[in-house]
């Protein structure tokens, strides 16, 4: 009798896959793609190089979506998108972008994303693991007002660090004049790209959307610069954790609201109670009430008092003896810039004050952690 062997799903490859292999990338499955977790230098060196000079990350697994108003008026696309998120999209000026979230009826987060105004259309960058669901969500709710175009023929790279601007200036002279969260079409090495001055490391930097066929050429030009090192997923994670930035599916998900996740700064006044376009998005009743009264729990920074990292999933307790956990760690690891372990997680509002002491259960031991303000490492964005 023949036995049926179920084959592992085939991993997708980004337009830079061959380049990763040629440069010694150690490949792992991530969001359905074969992605480099590190290169020969290793996670620690890659992390510190990004903080000191410039790191280049392949983030082509993320979704890039063009939202075009059927009326031809950009404000109509913005108003349509506001039906799905608590952010003020109308106020995003041409050539600018804003951090946003898709919410559900309970106020939970379906995804977090960037929304840019490209003048005649909106450009969205969504998380790789959520992009199919996000596209379906947009088509279900906005097809009346917008055409929705998933741009599948583009790569996306992030160039991050204090030397990112000087490195990009060699092939994109306009880059240094951009400010944090500027976004729009630019010529990069003579190729029509989309460039934003943004990223997810806490450093100054850029995200560059490149036609897939030209991606390897552009990235190779950038890597020719000794200041620029290729960086894998390992350092990408430790950099964003030190910067106090949430990772979707870990620190935020469908069970966490923007207020619980300490993202209330991203909800503009116009969408809050009493604002010009208050509410009108999924879960507005929950989110608006939490904005006014606070949430019962909160995402906080945690500094373990010893040298041992406290990992995602570790339960948090009020003291060394209590049997019932009061929260959990959602991201944790070693912070190379601090030369110390760092973590973030959820605690009840009653235990969330900076300086409070809580305890994590690590292999049966209760290890002390101090509630800390985030980011752990100062942000260096170019304002």
Protein backbone atom coordinates (compact mmCIF):
# COMPACT_ATOMS: atom_id res chain seq x y z
CA UNK A 1 0.00 0.00 0.00
CA UNK A 2 1.47 3.34 -1.02
CA UNK A 3 2.01 5.80 1.81
CA UNK A 4 1.25 9.43 1.13
CA UNK A 5 4.12 11.72 2.05
CA UNK A 6 2.96 15.29 2.58
CA UNK A 7 5.49 17.69 1.11
CA UNK A 8 6.55 20.81 2.96
CA UNK A 9 5.09 23.93 1.34
CA UNK A 10 7.47 25.44 -1.20
CA UNK A 11 9.09 28.59 0.14
CA UNK A 12 8.84 31.66 -2.03
CA UNK A 13 11.98 33.52 -3.02
CA UNK A 14 12.51 37.28 -3.02
CA UNK A 15 14.15 38.95 -6.05
CA UNK A 16 17.38 39.08 -3.99
CA UNK A 17 17.51 35.35 -3.16
CA UNK A 18 20.53 34.62 -5.39
CA UNK A 19 22.39 37.58 -3.90
CA UNK A 20 21.81 36.27 -0.36
CA UNK A 21 23.24 32.86 -1.31
CA UNK A 22 26.21 34.43 -3.10
CA UNK A 23 27.02 36.46 0.01
CA UNK A 24 26.82 33.50 2.38
CA UNK A 25 23.38 34.13 3.84
CA UNK A 26 22.14 31.43 6.22
CA UNK A 27 18.60 30.87 4.95
CA UNK A 28 15.52 30.09 7.07
CA UNK A 29 11.75 30.01 6.40
CA UNK A 30 10.07 33.32 7.32
CA UNK A 31 6.52 34.46 6.40
CA UNK A 32 6.45 31.83 3.63
CA UNK A 33 9.79 32.98 2.14
CA UNK A 34 13.34 31.64 2.17
CA UNK A 35 15.11 34.50 3.98
CA UNK A 36 18.58 35.16 5.40
CA UNK A 37 18.69 35.03 9.20
CA UNK A 38 22.36 36.10 9.19
CA UNK A 39 25.51 36.26 7.05
CA UNK A 40 29.09 35.23 7.84
CA UNK A 41 29.67 38.18 10.21
CA UNK A 42 26.94 36.92 12.56
CA UNK A 43 24.01 38.61 14.31
CA UNK A 44 26.05 40.54 16.90
CA UNK A 45 28.38 42.18 14.36
CA UNK A 46 25.52 42.87 11.94
CA UNK A 47 23.53 44.56 14.72
CA UNK A 48 26.41 46.77 15.90
CA UNK A 49 27.42 47.64 12.31
CA UNK A 50 23.87 48.94 11.65
CA UNK A 51 24.02 51.15 14.75
CA UNK A 52 27.51 52.46 13.80
CA UNK A 53 27.41 52.66 9.98
CA UNK A 54 24.73 51.21 7.65
CA UNK A 55 22.94 47.88 7.29
CA UNK A 56 21.01 46.65 4.26
CA UNK A 57 17.95 44.43 4.83
CA UNK A 58 15.82 42.54 2.31
CA UNK A 59 12.18 43.11 3.29
CA UNK A 60 10.71 42.07 -0.07
CA UNK A 61 8.40 39.58 1.69
CA UNK A 62 6.28 42.55 2.79
CA UNK A 63 3.21 43.55 0.79
CA UNK A 64 3.20 46.68 -1.37
CA UNK A 65 -0.26 47.91 -2.35
CA UNK A 66 -1.40 50.83 -4.52
CA UNK A 67 -4.82 52.24 -3.59
CA UNK A 68 -6.22 54.41 -6.41
CA UNK A 69 -9.40 56.49 -5.99
CA UNK A 70 -11.98 55.68 -8.68
CA UNK A 71 -13.11 59.33 -8.55
CA UNK A 72 -9.58 60.56 -9.27
CA UNK A 73 -9.61 62.51 -5.97
CA UNK A 74 -6.97 61.37 -3.46
CA UNK A 75 -9.19 62.54 -0.57
CA UNK A 76 -11.77 59.90 -1.56
CA UNK A 77 -9.17 57.14 -1.22
CA UNK A 78 -8.09 58.60 2.13
CA UNK A 79 -11.67 58.77 3.45
CA UNK A 80 -12.30 55.21 2.27
CA UNK A 81 -9.18 53.94 4.06
CA UNK A 82 -10.27 55.74 7.24
CA UNK A 83 -13.22 53.31 7.38
CA UNK A 84 -10.69 50.58 8.29
CA UNK A 85 -8.23 52.37 10.62
CA UNK A 86 -8.19 54.88 13.50
CA UNK A 87 -5.63 57.14 11.80
CA UNK A 88 -6.16 60.47 10.02
CA UNK A 89 -5.34 59.53 6.41
CA UNK A 90 -6.84 62.70 4.90
CA UNK A 91 -4.15 64.81 6.61
CA UNK A 92 -1.22 62.88 5.11
CA UNK A 93 0.31 65.48 2.78
CA UNK A 94 1.60 64.50 -0.67
CA UNK A 95 5.12 63.09 -0.31
CA UNK A 96 4.55 62.01 3.31
CA UNK A 97 3.67 58.74 5.05
CA UNK A 98 2.15 57.70 8.38
CA UNK A 99 2.14 54.61 10.62
CA UNK A 100 -1.33 53.02 10.88
CA UNK A 101 -3.23 49.88 11.89
CA UNK A 102 -6.15 47.87 10.53
CA UNK A 103 -8.54 47.14 13.42
CA UNK A 104 -11.27 44.55 13.99
CA UNK A 105 -14.70 44.88 15.63
CA UNK A 106 -13.19 44.21 19.09
CA UNK A 107 -10.55 46.94 18.61
CA UNK A 108 -7.84 44.33 18.00
CA UNK A 109 -5.13 44.75 15.38
CA UNK A 110 -5.40 42.89 12.06
CA UNK A 111 -2.04 44.36 10.97
CA UNK A 112 0.15 47.43 11.31
CA UNK A 113 1.30 49.21 8.17
CA UNK A 114 2.64 52.36 6.53
CA UNK A 115 0.40 54.60 4.41
CA UNK A 116 2.00 57.10 2.00
CA UNK A 117 0.40 59.79 -0.15
CA UNK A 118 1.93 59.62 -3.65
CA UNK A 119 -0.20 62.48 -4.97
CA UNK A 120 -2.62 60.59 -7.21
CA UNK A 121 -2.80 57.39 -5.10
CA UNK A 122 -2.00 55.94 -1.69
CA UNK A 123 0.87 53.48 -1.27
CA UNK A 124 0.65 50.91 1.54
CA UNK A 125 3.35 48.64 2.95
CA UNK A 126 1.91 45.77 5.01
CA UNK A 127 3.41 42.81 6.87
CA UNK A 128 4.38 39.76 4.81
CA UNK A 129 2.43 37.22 6.86
CA UNK A 130 -0.72 39.39 6.67
CA UNK A 131 -0.58 40.65 3.07
CA UNK A 132 -3.07 38.20 1.53
CA UNK A 133 -5.60 38.84 4.31
CA UNK A 134 -5.00 42.61 4.09
CA UNK A 135 -5.60 42.60 0.33
CA UNK A 136 -8.85 40.63 0.82
CA UNK A 137 -9.89 43.05 3.60
CA UNK A 138 -9.30 46.06 1.33
CA UNK A 139 -11.16 44.45 -1.59
CA UNK A 140 -14.12 43.55 0.63
CA UNK A 141 -14.53 47.02 2.13
CA UNK A 142 -13.07 49.56 -0.33
CA UNK A 143 -13.74 48.14 -3.82
CA UNK A 144 -16.59 50.67 -4.24
CA UNK A 145 -14.22 53.65 -3.89
CA UNK A 146 -10.79 52.39 -4.91
CA UNK A 147 -8.93 50.07 -7.23
CA UNK A 148 -6.59 47.88 -5.20
CA UNK A 149 -3.36 46.77 -6.83
CA UNK A 150 -0.95 44.37 -5.08
CA UNK A 151 2.45 45.25 -6.55
CA UNK A 152 4.00 41.79 -6.86
CA UNK A 153 6.82 42.77 -9.25
CA UNK A 154 8.80 44.88 -6.77
CA UNK A 155 11.53 44.24 -4.21
CA UNK A 156 11.74 46.20 -0.95
CA UNK A 157 14.97 46.89 0.92
CA UNK A 158 15.76 48.88 4.06
CA UNK A 159 19.02 50.81 4.36
CA UNK A 160 19.45 51.69 8.04
CA UNK A 161 22.03 53.43 10.20
CA UNK A 162 23.88 56.76 10.66
CA UNK A 163 25.71 56.34 7.33
CA UNK A 164 22.59 55.32 5.36
CA UNK A 165 22.06 58.82 3.91
CA UNK A 166 25.64 59.22 2.68
CA UNK A 167 25.57 55.70 1.19
CA UNK A 168 22.28 56.26 -0.65
CA UNK A 169 23.33 59.76 -1.80
CA UNK A 170 25.90 58.18 -4.14
CA UNK A 171 23.12 56.74 -6.31
CA UNK A 172 20.18 58.95 -5.23
CA UNK A 173 21.39 62.55 -4.78
CA UNK A 174 17.95 63.69 -3.51
CA UNK A 175 17.97 61.29 -0.54
CA UNK A 176 19.83 63.45 2.04
CA UNK A 177 17.27 66.27 1.69
CA UNK A 178 14.41 63.94 2.71
CA UNK A 179 13.14 64.13 6.29
CA UNK A 180 11.78 61.35 8.52
CA UNK A 181 8.56 59.95 6.98
CA UNK A 182 9.00 61.69 3.61
CA UNK A 183 8.01 59.23 0.87
CA UNK A 184 7.62 59.20 -2.90
CA UNK A 185 9.07 58.34 -6.30
CA UNK A 186 12.84 58.87 -6.72
CA UNK A 187 15.49 57.92 -9.25
CA UNK A 188 17.94 55.47 -7.64
CA UNK A 189 20.93 54.61 -9.85
CA UNK A 190 18.83 55.81 -12.80
CA UNK A 191 15.93 53.45 -11.94
CA UNK A 192 12.43 54.63 -10.98
CA UNK A 193 11.94 53.59 -7.33
CA UNK A 194 9.80 54.60 -4.36
CA UNK A 195 11.86 55.87 -1.42
CA UNK A 196 10.78 56.71 2.12
CA UNK A 197 12.96 58.01 4.95
CA UNK A 198 11.85 55.45 7.49
CA UNK A 199 12.62 51.99 8.82
CA UNK A 200 12.26 49.73 11.81
CA UNK A 201 15.59 49.86 13.64
CA UNK A 202 15.32 53.19 15.50
CA UNK A 203 18.11 54.54 13.29
CA UNK A 204 17.96 57.05 10.46
CA UNK A 205 17.43 55.24 7.19
CA UNK A 206 15.42 54.57 4.08
CA UNK A 207 13.10 51.97 2.61
CA UNK A 208 13.47 51.56 -1.15
CA UNK A 209 10.91 49.83 -3.39
CA UNK A 210 12.67 48.69 -6.57
CA UNK A 211 11.34 46.98 -9.75
CA UNK A 212 12.15 43.29 -9.16
CA UNK A 213 14.28 42.92 -12.30
CA UNK A 214 16.58 45.76 -11.21
CA UNK A 215 16.76 44.99 -7.49
CA UNK A 216 19.99 42.99 -7.50
CA UNK A 217 21.83 45.70 -9.47
CA UNK A 218 20.73 48.48 -7.08
CA UNK A 219 21.50 46.45 -3.95
CA UNK A 220 24.93 45.43 -5.32
CA UNK A 221 25.75 49.12 -5.89
CA UNK A 222 24.86 49.88 -2.28
CA UNK A 223 26.85 46.91 -0.96
CA UNK A 224 29.91 48.06 -2.93
CA UNK A 225 30.22 50.76 -0.26
CA UNK A 226 32.36 49.52 2.68
CA UNK A 227 30.01 51.35 5.09
CA UNK A 228 27.13 49.05 4.04
CA UNK A 229 26.82 45.46 5.29
CA UNK A 230 24.05 42.96 4.43
CA UNK A 231 21.94 42.23 7.53
CA UNK A 232 19.71 39.22 8.25
CA UNK A 233 16.50 38.68 10.19
CA UNK A 234 18.34 38.00 13.46
CA UNK A 235 19.77 41.50 13.78
CA UNK A 236 16.59 43.00 12.34
CA UNK A 237 14.76 41.56 15.34
CA UNK A 238 17.31 42.67 17.99
CA UNK A 239 17.48 46.18 16.47
CA UNK A 240 13.70 46.71 16.50
CA UNK A 241 13.44 45.29 20.04
CA UNK A 242 16.06 47.75 21.36
CA UNK A 243 14.12 50.51 19.57
CA UNK A 244 10.93 49.46 21.42
CA UNK A 245 9.09 48.73 18.16
CA UNK A 246 6.25 46.17 18.07
CA UNK A 247 6.47 43.06 15.90
CA UNK A 248 3.12 41.94 14.47
CA UNK A 249 2.16 38.43 15.58
CA UNK A 250 4.26 38.77 18.73
CA UNK A 251 3.73 42.10 20.57
CA UNK A 252 0.53 43.00 18.72
CA UNK A 253 -2.20 40.85 17.18
CA UNK A 254 -5.98 40.53 16.88
CA UNK A 255 -6.31 40.39 20.71
CA UNK A 256 -4.42 43.65 21.43
CA UNK A 257 -5.79 47.17 20.94
CA UNK A 258 -3.69 50.21 19.95
CA UNK A 259 -4.06 51.60 23.49
CA UNK A 260 -3.01 48.35 25.18
CA UNK A 261 -0.01 48.25 22.79
CA UNK A 262 1.01 51.81 23.79
CA UNK A 263 0.32 52.99 20.23
CA UNK A 264 -2.20 55.71 21.16
CA UNK A 265 0.28 58.30 19.80
CA UNK A 266 -0.63 56.99 16.34
CA UNK A 267 -4.33 57.92 16.68
CA UNK A 268 -4.74 61.57 15.67
CA UNK A 269 -7.11 64.03 17.38
CA UNK A 270 -9.44 64.18 14.36
CA UNK A 271 -10.39 60.48 14.83
CA UNK A 272 -10.84 60.65 18.61
CA UNK A 273 -14.04 61.57 20.50
CA UNK A 274 -14.91 65.18 19.67
CA UNK A 275 -12.68 65.14 16.58
CA UNK A 276 -13.76 66.17 13.07
CA UNK A 277 -14.10 62.54 11.91
CA UNK A 278 -14.33 60.73 15.24
CA UNK A 279 -14.80 56.97 15.14
CA UNK A 280 -16.26 55.23 12.11
CA UNK A 281 -13.59 52.50 12.10
CA UNK A 282 -13.91 48.89 13.35
CA UNK A 283 -13.75 48.65 17.14
CA UNK A 284 -14.11 52.43 17.56
CA UNK A 285 -16.27 52.09 20.69
CA UNK A 286 -13.57 50.01 22.44
CA UNK A 287 -10.60 52.08 21.26
CA UNK A 288 -12.17 55.52 21.89
CA UNK A 289 -13.22 54.50 25.39
CA UNK A 290 -9.71 53.20 26.16
CA UNK A 291 -8.19 56.43 24.81
CA UNK A 292 -10.25 58.35 27.38
CA UNK A 293 -10.15 55.97 30.34
CA UNK A 294 -7.01 53.92 29.76
CA UNK A 295 -6.75 50.17 29.15
CA UNK A 296 -6.62 47.51 31.86
CA UNK A 297 -3.26 46.25 30.58
CA UNK A 298 -0.30 47.78 28.78
CA UNK A 299 2.71 46.82 26.68
CA UNK A 300 5.83 47.78 28.65
CA UNK A 301 9.60 47.55 28.41
CA UNK A 302 11.40 45.12 30.71
CA UNK A 303 15.05 45.02 31.77
CA UNK A 304 16.03 41.68 33.32
CA UNK A 305 18.24 42.37 36.35
CA UNK A 306 20.61 39.46 35.62
CA UNK A 307 22.46 38.49 32.43
CA UNK A 308 20.01 35.80 31.29
CA UNK A 309 17.71 36.75 28.39
CA UNK A 310 13.98 36.28 29.09
CA UNK A 311 12.30 35.00 25.93
CA UNK A 312 8.89 35.38 24.32
CA UNK A 313 6.21 33.40 26.17
CA UNK A 314 7.77 33.64 29.65
CA UNK A 315 5.04 34.24 32.21
CA UNK A 316 5.28 37.27 34.49
CA UNK A 317 4.42 37.25 38.21
CA UNK A 318 3.94 39.98 40.82
CA UNK A 319 6.35 38.29 43.27
CA UNK A 320 8.48 35.20 43.76
CA UNK A 321 5.71 33.08 45.31
CA UNK A 322 2.35 33.77 43.62
CA UNK A 323 0.90 30.96 41.51
CA UNK A 324 -1.10 33.13 39.09
CA UNK A 325 0.72 34.99 36.29
CA UNK A 326 -0.19 38.64 35.76
CA UNK A 327 1.25 38.94 32.24
CA UNK A 328 3.68 37.54 29.70
CA UNK A 329 6.76 38.48 27.69
CA UNK A 330 6.00 39.00 24.00
CA UNK A 331 9.55 39.71 22.73
CA UNK A 332 12.84 39.14 24.50
CA UNK A 333 16.50 38.61 23.83
CA UNK A 334 19.96 40.12 24.14
CA UNK A 335 20.42 43.82 23.30
CA UNK A 336 23.90 44.10 21.77
CA UNK A 337 23.94 47.93 21.96
CA UNK A 338 23.23 47.74 25.71
CA UNK A 339 25.29 44.58 26.24
CA UNK A 340 22.35 43.38 28.34
CA UNK A 341 19.09 41.46 27.95
CA UNK A 342 15.91 43.37 27.01
CA UNK A 343 12.27 42.36 26.69
CA UNK A 344 8.75 43.69 26.28
CA UNK A 345 5.43 42.28 27.35
CA UNK A 346 1.99 42.99 28.79
CA UNK A 347 1.25 43.79 32.42
CA UNK A 348 -1.89 45.02 34.21
CA UNK A 349 -1.99 48.84 34.38
CA UNK A 350 -1.54 48.48 38.16
CA UNK A 351 1.94 46.97 37.62
CA UNK A 352 3.01 48.94 34.54
CA UNK A 353 4.68 51.94 36.21
CA UNK A 354 8.33 52.47 35.20
CA UNK A 355 10.58 51.14 37.96
CA UNK A 356 8.14 48.45 39.13
CA UNK A 357 9.63 45.02 39.79
CA UNK A 358 8.09 41.83 38.34
CA UNK A 359 9.35 38.28 38.03
CA UNK A 360 9.57 35.99 35.01
CA UNK A 361 9.41 32.23 35.24
CA UNK A 362 12.48 30.93 33.40
CA UNK A 363 12.90 27.14 33.63
CA UNK A 364 11.29 27.07 37.07
CA UNK A 365 13.24 30.03 38.48
CA UNK A 366 11.72 33.44 39.20
CA UNK A 367 14.02 36.04 37.66
CA UNK A 368 13.55 39.77 38.51
CA UNK A 369 12.80 42.31 35.76
CA UNK A 370 12.43 46.07 36.11
CA UNK A 371 9.67 47.83 34.13
CA UNK A 372 11.45 50.30 31.84
CA UNK A 373 10.54 53.14 29.53
CA UNK A 374 10.99 52.40 25.81
CA UNK A 375 12.88 52.74 23.55
CA UNK A 376 15.84 51.07 25.25
CA UNK A 377 18.18 52.77 22.74
CA UNK A 378 17.37 56.38 21.67
CA UNK A 379 15.80 56.86 18.23
CA UNK A 380 18.00 58.71 15.71
CA UNK A 381 15.44 59.71 13.08
CA UNK A 382 16.15 62.77 10.92
CA UNK A 383 13.37 65.17 11.88
